[in-house]
Protein backbone atom coordinates (compact mmCIF):
# COMPACT_ATOMS: atom_id res chain seq x y z
CA MET A 1 -8.17 6.48 -14.55
CA ALA A 2 -9.36 4.84 -17.74
CA GLY A 3 -6.25 6.12 -19.49
CA LEU A 4 -4.02 3.98 -17.31
CA GLY A 5 -4.54 1.03 -19.64
CA ALA A 6 -4.86 -2.64 -18.74
CA ARG A 7 -6.07 -3.84 -15.38
CA SER A 8 -2.76 -5.59 -14.77
CA LEU A 9 -1.03 -2.39 -13.61
CA LEU A 10 0.31 -3.92 -10.40
CA LEU A 11 0.69 -7.50 -11.63
CA GLY A 12 4.44 -7.60 -12.03
CA MET A 13 5.16 -5.70 -8.83
CA ILE A 14 2.90 -7.90 -6.70
CA LEU A 15 4.09 -11.21 -8.14
CA LEU A 16 7.70 -10.19 -7.55
CA ALA A 17 6.85 -9.19 -3.99
CA LEU A 18 5.08 -12.44 -3.17
CA VAL A 19 8.10 -14.61 -3.89
CA GLY A 20 9.96 -13.24 -0.85
CA GLU A 21 9.76 -14.39 2.73
CA VAL A 22 7.52 -12.55 5.15
CA ALA A 23 9.80 -10.21 7.07
CA ALA A 24 10.04 -6.49 7.63
CA ALA A 25 12.79 -4.92 5.55
CA PRO A 26 15.16 -2.36 7.10
CA PRO A 27 14.95 1.12 5.55
CA GLU A 28 17.94 0.60 3.27
CA GLU A 29 16.11 -2.40 1.74
CA ALA A 30 12.51 -1.21 2.04
CA ILE A 31 13.12 2.09 0.25
CA MET A 32 13.70 1.47 -3.44
CA ALA A 33 17.36 2.07 -4.26
CA LEU A 34 18.25 4.76 -6.77
CA ASP A 35 19.87 2.27 -9.16
CA LYS A 36 16.58 0.35 -9.43
CA TYR A 37 14.87 3.25 -11.21
CA THR A 38 14.88 2.87 -14.98
CA THR A 39 14.05 6.45 -16.04
CA GLN A 40 15.22 9.95 -15.21
CA LYS A 41 11.78 10.86 -13.85
CA GLY A 42 11.93 8.08 -11.29
CA ARG A 43 15.48 8.95 -10.29
CA THR A 44 14.59 12.63 -9.95
CA LEU A 45 11.65 11.88 -7.66
CA ALA A 46 13.70 9.47 -5.55
CA THR A 47 16.58 11.94 -5.24
CA THR A 48 14.40 14.99 -4.55
CA PHE A 49 12.24 13.29 -1.94
CA GLY A 50 14.67 10.81 -0.41
CA SER A 51 14.36 12.30 3.07
CA GLN A 52 10.56 12.21 2.88
CA LEU A 53 10.65 8.51 1.96
CA HIS A 54 12.67 7.85 5.10
CA GLN A 55 10.17 9.85 7.15
CA ILE A 56 7.27 7.81 5.75
CA TYR A 57 9.11 4.58 6.53
CA ASP A 58 9.95 5.71 10.06
CA ARG A 59 6.39 6.76 10.84
CA VAL A 60 4.96 3.45 9.67
CA TYR A 61 7.70 1.48 11.44
CA HIS A 62 7.31 3.26 14.77
CA CYS A 63 3.61 4.11 14.79
CA ARG A 64 2.09 1.16 12.93
CA PRO A 65 4.08 -1.80 14.32
CA TRP A 66 1.53 -4.27 12.94
CA LEU A 67 2.58 -3.29 9.40
CA GLU A 68 5.86 -4.44 7.85
CA VAL A 69 7.19 -2.53 4.87
CA ARG A 70 8.53 -5.06 2.38
CA GLN A 71 11.73 -5.11 0.36
CA ARG A 72 11.60 -2.34 -2.24
CA GLY A 73 8.09 -1.69 -0.95
CA LEU A 74 8.42 2.08 -0.71
CA GLY A 75 9.24 4.29 -3.66
CA PHE A 76 8.09 5.96 -6.84
CA THR A 77 6.81 2.99 -8.79
CA ARG A 78 6.30 2.86 -12.51
CA PRO A 79 3.12 0.80 -13.10
CA VAL A 80 3.37 -2.37 -15.13
CA GLY A 81 1.21 -2.19 -18.26
CA VAL A 82 1.44 1.58 -18.77
CA ALA A 83 3.39 2.90 -21.75
CA ALA A 84 3.89 6.34 -20.24
CA ASP A 85 6.38 6.94 -17.44
CA ASP A 86 3.70 7.62 -14.83
CA ARG A 87 5.12 7.55 -11.29
CA TYR A 88 3.12 6.68 -8.19
CA LEU A 89 4.34 6.92 -4.62
CA ASN A 90 3.82 3.32 -3.54
CA ILE A 91 3.96 1.47 -0.24
CA TRP A 92 3.65 -2.30 0.07
CA VAL A 93 3.19 -3.82 3.51
CA TRP A 94 2.57 -7.14 5.18
CA VAL A 95 -0.30 -6.91 7.70
CA ASP A 96 0.41 -8.85 10.88
CA GLN A 97 -2.90 -9.68 12.49
CA GLN A 98 -4.79 -12.39 14.33
CA ILE A 99 -7.09 -14.36 12.03
CA THR A 100 -10.42 -14.49 13.82
CA PRO A 101 -13.44 -16.69 12.98
CA GLU A 102 -15.32 -13.52 12.05
CA PHE A 103 -12.64 -12.51 9.54
CA THR A 104 -12.45 -16.04 8.16
CA ALA A 105 -16.19 -16.08 7.52
CA LEU A 106 -16.02 -13.02 5.27
CA SER A 107 -15.92 -13.34 1.49
CA PRO A 108 -12.62 -12.44 -0.25
CA ALA A 109 -14.13 -9.10 -1.32
CA ARG A 110 -15.21 -8.27 2.23
CA ARG A 111 -11.83 -9.26 3.64
CA ALA A 112 -10.13 -6.98 1.11
CA SER A 113 -12.57 -4.19 1.91
CA ALA A 114 -11.95 -4.58 5.64
CA MET A 115 -8.20 -4.49 5.13
CA PHE A 116 -8.29 -1.40 2.93
CA SER A 117 -10.74 0.40 5.22
CA ARG A 118 -8.52 -0.30 8.23
CA HIS A 119 -5.01 0.03 6.81
CA GLY A 120 -5.15 1.26 3.22
CA VAL A 121 -6.89 4.56 3.88
CA ASP A 122 -4.53 5.25 6.77
CA LEU A 123 -1.50 4.59 4.57
CA LEU A 124 -2.86 6.89 1.87
CA ARG A 125 -2.96 9.64 4.51
CA HIS A 126 0.72 9.02 5.25
CA LEU A 127 1.71 9.00 1.59
CA SER A 128 -0.21 12.12 0.60
CA ALA A 129 0.56 14.23 3.68
CA ASP A 130 3.69 15.86 2.27
CA PRO A 131 2.68 18.96 0.24
CA GLU A 132 5.94 19.10 -1.72
CA ILE A 133 5.57 15.55 -3.03
CA PHE A 134 1.92 16.17 -3.85
CA ALA A 135 2.76 19.35 -5.75
CA SER A 136 5.46 17.75 -7.88
CA PRO A 137 4.41 17.66 -11.56
CA LEU A 138 6.38 14.43 -11.88
CA LEU A 139 4.03 12.55 -9.55
CA THR A 140 0.86 11.01 -10.98
CA GLY A 141 -0.64 9.41 -7.88
CA TYR A 142 -0.38 7.04 -4.93
CA SER A 143 -0.67 3.28 -4.52
CA VAL A 144 -1.04 0.94 -1.56
CA ILE A 145 -0.46 -2.82 -1.58
CA LEU A 146 -1.61 -4.90 1.39
CA THR A 147 -0.77 -8.58 1.92
CA TRP A 148 -2.01 -10.80 4.75
CA VAL A 149 -2.29 -14.48 5.63
CA LYS A 150 -5.29 -16.10 3.99
CA PRO A 151 -7.64 -17.73 6.50
CA ASN A 152 -7.17 -21.51 6.41
CA GLY A 153 -4.40 -20.92 3.92
CA ARG A 154 -1.68 -22.97 5.57
CA VAL A 155 -0.38 -25.77 3.33
CA ALA A 156 2.35 -27.92 4.89
CA ASP A 157 4.87 -25.39 6.22
CA GLU A 158 3.74 -22.54 3.98
CA GLU A 159 1.04 -19.95 4.47
CA LYS A 160 -0.95 -18.73 1.50
CA ALA A 161 -1.46 -14.99 1.32
CA GLU A 162 -4.10 -12.66 -0.04
CA THR A 163 -3.09 -9.36 -1.64
CA LEU A 164 -4.92 -6.17 -2.53
CA GLY A 165 -3.46 -3.33 -4.58
CA VAL A 166 -5.19 0.04 -4.97
CA PHE A 167 -3.80 2.55 -7.43
CA VAL A 168 -5.22 6.07 -7.82
CA ASP A 169 -4.32 9.55 -9.08
CA LYS A 170 -3.23 12.14 -6.54
CA LYS A 171 -6.15 14.56 -6.93
CA THR A 172 -8.65 11.77 -6.33
CA VAL A 173 -6.75 10.73 -3.20
CA ARG A 174 -6.69 14.29 -1.86
CA ASP A 175 -10.40 14.87 -2.58
CA PHE A 176 -11.36 11.54 -0.99
CA LEU A 177 -9.37 12.12 2.19
CA ALA A 178 -10.78 15.66 2.47
CA ARG A 179 -14.30 14.19 2.14
CA ARG A 180 -14.96 16.07 -1.06
CA MET A 181 -15.53 12.73 -2.77
CA GLY A 182 -17.59 9.73 -1.70
CA THR A 183 -16.29 6.18 -1.36
CA GLN A 184 -18.13 4.87 -4.42
CA GLU A 185 -16.64 7.51 -6.71
CA PHE A 186 -13.19 6.89 -5.24
CA VAL A 187 -13.43 3.15 -5.92
CA LYS A 188 -14.75 3.84 -9.42
CA ARG A 189 -11.69 5.92 -10.25
CA ALA A 190 -9.17 3.56 -8.65
CA VAL A 191 -7.44 0.62 -10.26
CA VAL A 192 -8.02 -2.35 -7.95
CA VAL A 193 -5.96 -5.56 -8.26
CA ALA A 194 -6.34 -8.63 -6.03
CA PHE A 195 -4.52 -11.95 -5.67
CA ASP A 196 -5.26 -15.24 -3.95
CA GLY A 197 -1.73 -16.44 -3.43
CA LYS A 198 -0.21 -15.87 -6.87
CA GLU A 199 -3.51 -16.37 -8.65
CA ARG A 200 -4.88 -13.10 -9.90
CA LEU A 201 -8.53 -12.46 -9.14
CA GLY A 202 -10.92 -10.28 -11.09
CA ARG A 203 -11.66 -6.77 -9.93
CA LEU A 204 -13.17 -7.13 -6.47
CA PRO A 205 -16.25 -5.05 -5.54
CA LEU A 206 -14.26 -3.01 -3.03
CA GLU A 207 -16.13 -1.18 -0.29
CA ILE A 208 -14.75 1.41 2.11
CA TRP A 209 -16.09 2.30 5.52
CA GLU A 210 -14.98 4.27 8.57
CA ASP A 211 -12.38 2.46 10.67
CA ASP A 212 -10.31 4.35 13.24
CA PHE A 213 -8.24 1.33 14.34
CA ALA A 214 -4.93 2.72 13.10
CA ARG A 215 -5.33 5.96 15.02
CA THR A 216 -6.80 4.59 18.24
CA TYR A 217 -5.40 1.08 18.81
CA LYS A 218 -2.44 0.82 21.16
CA LEU A 219 -0.31 -2.26 21.64
CA LYS A 220 0.05 -3.12 25.31
CA ASN A 221 3.32 -1.82 26.76
CA TYR A 222 4.50 -0.64 23.34
CA GLN A 223 6.56 2.52 23.02
CA PRO A 224 8.24 3.71 19.80
CA GLN A 225 11.98 3.20 19.83
CA ASP A 226 12.33 6.76 18.55
CA LYS A 227 10.84 8.98 21.24
CA HIS A 228 10.37 11.80 18.72
CA PHE A 229 7.29 10.02 17.38
CA ALA A 230 4.10 11.01 19.17
CA CYS A 231 2.00 8.16 17.86
């Protein structure tokens, strides 16, 4: 991952995302439109795997109702700060959760670690599950961006957010999820970007631990609108 260049890979994408209101985007807005891609590689990926992008969106929408895919939050992103046209399958979500005293008491690094352990790893599984996308020579890797309300971050009528972005090559993702690679090596290879509101933080000492929330938690009386999803 050292060849990816500066640590500000996700800077532009995250800052653009944070200026919008907090609301789930419908699929036609959440999935990056073809005319927003600036290179042929990006357009080819988006055209070839358009149906898979819709499937990823639908699965998150129906099976992870506490996550809201943001506007242009799903697509084959070209990282800011990289000269080469490297394309990463990216998803950016708002995490809707109750802010507990226990969560508030954690340091920013521990809050980010808890969020990635609970939601980021699960989203990486969704992104990397399709073998055709993974096998494409045009794809470099996967990225996940998580944003949530900062504890005690309400100022007047606005709520300050915290954001974590994790950016990693596809082989590392596959080896990590298959348990062929430990968490420390995974974090070492990943590009990690964090923000407190719009203020960029240094590289957080990210930790990852087992958290089966996404696969075991069930909202009371919730059923997917699309009955084809066996969540």
